Amino acid sequence: MAITAPDSIYRKERSYYLDLLESQIVQLRTDPGRRLHVVEQLRELSQLTPGSIEASLVVGDTLFHQICCDLEPLFLAGVVSLLGDTDPVTEYQVADILEAAVPAEVQDPFNHPATW
C-alpha cells in the first residue's frame, strides 16, 4: 500500500488534523462559551504539528507541509490571545488568522487538490 493511498495512515492523520482545525475555527465563531475547549484543541494541534511537518516532508506533500509550517506559530499565539483576553472579538480574530493560513483550495471539502 502506498503512503498516499486513500486508506493510508498519512491521509487519515492529515484529514484528522484539518478537520480538527476547521471545527475549532467554527467553534470560535459560533460558541464563545467553549473558549477553554478550543484552547485545549489548539494545544493538541500544536502538538501534532511537528509530526505532520515531518510526515509531509517524507511523503512530498508540499501543500500540507506549507500549511503546517504557517500554522505552527499561530497555534500558540492563538492560545495566548484566547487565555489573555476575554473580548469576544478576539475569538473572531483568532479564527480569521487560522483560516487565512489554509489555502482556499484546501478549505473546500468537496474540491480538494488533485494530488490529495
C-alpha atoms as a PDB file:
ATOM      1  CA  MET A   1       0.000   0.000   0.000  1.00  0.00           C
ATOM      2  CA  ALA A   2       1.360   3.394  -0.985  1.00  0.00           C
ATOM      3  CA  ILE A   3       1.742   6.048   1.688  1.00  0.00           C
ATOM      4  CA  THR A   4      -0.710   8.312  -0.102  1.00  0.00           C
ATOM      5  CA  ALA A   5      -3.315   5.614  -0.754  1.00  0.00           C
ATOM      6  CA  PRO A   6      -6.836   6.668   0.284  1.00  0.00           C
ATOM      7  CA  ASP A   7      -6.728   4.422   3.344  1.00  0.00           C
ATOM      8  CA  SER A   8      -3.159   5.267   4.369  1.00  0.00           C
ATOM      9  CA  ILE A   9      -2.384   6.412   7.881  1.00  0.00           C
ATOM     10  CA  TYR A  10      -0.868   9.606   6.497  1.00  0.00           C
ATOM     11  CA  ARG A  11      -4.065  10.645   4.724  1.00  0.00           C
ATOM     12  CA  LYS A  12      -6.184   9.776   7.745  1.00  0.00           C
ATOM     13  CA  GLU A  13      -3.963  11.840  10.035  1.00  0.00           C
ATOM     14  CA  ARG A  14      -3.936  14.744   7.574  1.00  0.00           C
ATOM     15  CA  SER A  15      -7.734  14.636   7.408  1.00  0.00           C
ATOM     16  CA  TYR A  16      -7.983  14.499  11.201  1.00  0.00           C
ATOM     17  CA  TYR A  17      -5.655  17.490  11.523  1.00  0.00           C
ATOM     18  CA  LEU A  18      -7.562  19.608   9.005  1.00  0.00           C
ATOM     19  CA  ASP A  19     -10.980  18.566  10.378  1.00  0.00           C
ATOM     20  CA  LEU A  20      -9.914  19.427  13.919  1.00  0.00           C
ATOM     21  CA  LEU A  21      -8.630  22.793  12.747  1.00  0.00           C
ATOM     22  CA  GLU A  22     -11.852  23.518  10.871  1.00  0.00           C
ATOM     23  CA  SER A  23     -14.022  22.566  13.841  1.00  0.00           C
ATOM     24  CA  GLN A  24     -12.053  24.905  16.127  1.00  0.00           C
ATOM     25  CA  ILE A  25     -12.457  27.782  13.685  1.00  0.00           C
ATOM     26  CA  VAL A  26     -16.211  27.150  13.592  1.00  0.00           C
ATOM     27  CA  GLN A  27     -16.424  26.917  17.394  1.00  0.00           C
ATOM     28  CA  LEU A  28     -14.561  30.186  17.827  1.00  0.00           C
ATOM     29  CA  ARG A  29     -17.104  31.915  15.612  1.00  0.00           C
ATOM     30  CA  THR A  30     -20.271  30.267  16.881  1.00  0.00           C
ATOM     31  CA  ASP A  31     -19.824  29.205  20.507  1.00  0.00           C
ATOM     32  CA  PRO A  32     -17.982  31.718  22.693  1.00  0.00           C
ATOM     33  CA  GLY A  33     -18.699  29.676  25.818  1.00  0.00           C
ATOM     34  CA  ARG A  34     -16.334  26.936  24.659  1.00  0.00           C
ATOM     35  CA  ARG A  35     -13.227  29.091  24.600  1.00  0.00           C
ATOM     36  CA  LEU A  36     -11.302  26.831  27.014  1.00  0.00           C
ATOM     37  CA  HIS A  37     -12.210  23.744  24.989  1.00  0.00           C
ATOM     38  CA  VAL A  38     -10.885  25.442  21.864  1.00  0.00           C
ATOM     39  CA  VAL A  39      -7.675  26.298  23.720  1.00  0.00           C
ATOM     40  CA  GLU A  40      -7.191  22.609  24.560  1.00  0.00           C
ATOM     41  CA  GLN A  41      -7.819  21.613  20.949  1.00  0.00           C
ATOM     42  CA  LEU A  42      -5.376  24.239  19.683  1.00  0.00           C
ATOM     43  CA  ARG A  43      -2.791  22.816  22.066  1.00  0.00           C
ATOM     44  CA  GLU A  44      -3.446  19.366  20.604  1.00  0.00           C
ATOM     45  CA  LEU A  45      -2.993  20.737  17.097  1.00  0.00           C
ATOM     46  CA  SER A  46       0.213  22.409  18.233  1.00  0.00           C
ATOM     47  CA  GLN A  47       1.493  19.054  19.481  1.00  0.00           C
ATOM     48  CA  LEU A  48       0.510  17.303  16.236  1.00  0.00           C
ATOM     49  CA  THR A  49       2.157  19.898  14.002  1.00  0.00           C
ATOM     50  CA  PRO A  50       5.833  18.828  14.227  1.00  0.00           C
ATOM     51  CA  GLY A  51       4.921  15.242  13.311  1.00  0.00           C
ATOM     52  CA  SER A  52       2.717  16.463  10.481  1.00  0.00           C
ATOM     53  CA  ILE A  53       5.527  18.642   9.142  1.00  0.00           C
ATOM     54  CA  GLU A  54       7.924  15.708   9.176  1.00  0.00           C
ATOM     55  CA  ALA A  55       5.435  13.272   7.620  1.00  0.00           C
ATOM     56  CA  SER A  56       4.504  15.710   4.860  1.00  0.00           C
ATOM     57  CA  LEU A  57       8.194  16.105   4.003  1.00  0.00           C
ATOM     58  CA  VAL A  58       8.657  12.337   3.793  1.00  0.00           C
ATOM     59  CA  VAL A  59       5.614  11.938   1.548  1.00  0.00           C
ATOM     60  CA  GLY A  60       6.367  15.029  -0.526  1.00  0.00           C
ATOM     61  CA  ASP A  61       3.074  16.756   0.275  1.00  0.00           C
ATOM     62  CA  THR A  62       4.359  20.308  -0.121  1.00  0.00           C
ATOM     63  CA  LEU A  63       0.943  21.949   0.232  1.00  0.00           C
ATOM     64  CA  PHE A  64       0.197  20.360   3.601  1.00  0.00           C
ATOM     65  CA  HIS A  65       3.791  20.969   4.689  1.00  0.00           C
ATOM     66  CA  GLN A  66       3.390  24.693   3.981  1.00  0.00           C
ATOM     67  CA  ILE A  67       0.049  24.799   5.813  1.00  0.00           C
ATOM     68  CA  CYS A  68       1.592  23.185   8.901  1.00  0.00           C
ATOM     69  CA  CYS A  69       4.614  25.495   8.817  1.00  0.00           C
ATOM     70  CA  ASP A  70       2.325  28.523   8.560  1.00  0.00           C
ATOM     71  CA  LEU A  71       0.069  27.324  11.381  1.00  0.00           C
ATOM     72  CA  GLU A  72       2.758  26.246  13.841  1.00  0.00           C
ATOM     73  CA  PRO A  73       3.452  29.704  15.345  1.00  0.00           C
ATOM     74  CA  LEU A  74      -0.216  30.691  15.130  1.00  0.00           C
ATOM     75  CA  PHE A  75      -1.493  27.989  17.486  1.00  0.00           C
ATOM     76  CA  LEU A  76       0.463  29.170  20.500  1.00  0.00           C
ATOM     77  CA  ALA A  77      -0.260  32.809  19.687  1.00  0.00           C
ATOM     78  CA  GLY A  78      -3.947  31.903  19.475  1.00  0.00           C
ATOM     79  CA  VAL A  79      -3.843  30.132  22.833  1.00  0.00           C
ATOM     80  CA  VAL A  80      -2.162  33.127  24.471  1.00  0.00           C
ATOM     81  CA  SER A  81      -4.704  35.507  22.923  1.00  0.00           C
ATOM     82  CA  LEU A  82      -7.699  33.414  23.969  1.00  0.00           C
ATOM     83  CA  LEU A  83      -6.466  32.977  27.527  1.00  0.00           C
ATOM     84  CA  GLY A  84      -5.341  36.571  27.959  1.00  0.00           C
ATOM     85  CA  ASP A  85      -8.252  38.496  26.506  1.00  0.00           C
ATOM     86  CA  THR A  86     -11.937  37.914  27.257  1.00  0.00           C
ATOM     87  CA  ASP A  87     -13.165  40.200  24.486  1.00  0.00           C
ATOM     88  CA  PRO A  88     -15.419  38.192  22.105  1.00  0.00           C
ATOM     89  CA  VAL A  89     -13.817  39.938  19.128  1.00  0.00           C
ATOM     90  CA  THR A  90     -10.583  38.110  19.945  1.00  0.00           C
ATOM     91  CA  GLU A  91     -12.255  34.803  19.089  1.00  0.00           C
ATOM     92  CA  TYR A  92     -13.168  36.067  15.632  1.00  0.00           C
ATOM     93  CA  GLN A  93      -9.679  37.453  15.104  1.00  0.00           C
ATOM     94  CA  VAL A  94      -8.031  34.151  16.043  1.00  0.00           C
ATOM     95  CA  ALA A  95     -10.458  32.245  13.795  1.00  0.00           C
ATOM     96  CA  ASP A  96      -9.747  34.585  10.880  1.00  0.00           C
ATOM     97  CA  ILE A  97      -5.984  34.267  11.309  1.00  0.00           C
ATOM     98  CA  LEU A  98      -6.126  30.463  11.463  1.00  0.00           C
ATOM     99  CA  GLU A  99      -8.435  30.280   8.465  1.00  0.00           C
ATOM    100  CA  ALA A 100      -6.231  32.614   6.431  1.00  0.00           C
ATOM    101  CA  ALA A 101      -3.300  30.200   6.848  1.00  0.00           C
ATOM    102  CA  VAL A 102      -5.181  27.497   4.935  1.00  0.00           C
ATOM    103  CA  PRO A 103      -5.462  27.990   1.156  1.00  0.00           C
ATOM    104  CA  ALA A 104      -8.968  28.180  -0.313  1.00  0.00           C
ATOM    105  CA  GLU A 105      -8.374  25.027  -2.340  1.00  0.00           C
ATOM    106  CA  VAL A 106      -7.999  23.058   0.896  1.00  0.00           C
ATOM    107  CA  GLN A 107     -10.906  24.758   2.695  1.00  0.00           C
ATOM    108  CA  ASP A 108     -13.452  23.395   0.204  1.00  0.00           C
ATOM    109  CA  PRO A 109     -14.201  19.824   1.384  1.00  0.00           C
ATOM    110  CA  PHE A 110     -15.710  18.876  -1.987  1.00  0.00           C
ATOM    111  CA  ASN A 111     -12.844  20.105  -4.135  1.00  0.00           C
ATOM    112  CA  HIS A 112      -9.514  19.175  -2.540  1.00  0.00           C
ATOM    113  CA  PRO A 113      -6.325  19.488  -4.589  1.00  0.00           C
ATOM    114  CA  ALA A 114      -5.942  16.775  -7.230  1.00  0.00           C
ATOM    115  CA  THR A 115      -2.844  15.368  -5.523  1.00  0.00           C
ATOM    116  CA  TRP A 116      -4.885  14.528  -2.417  1.00  0.00           C
END
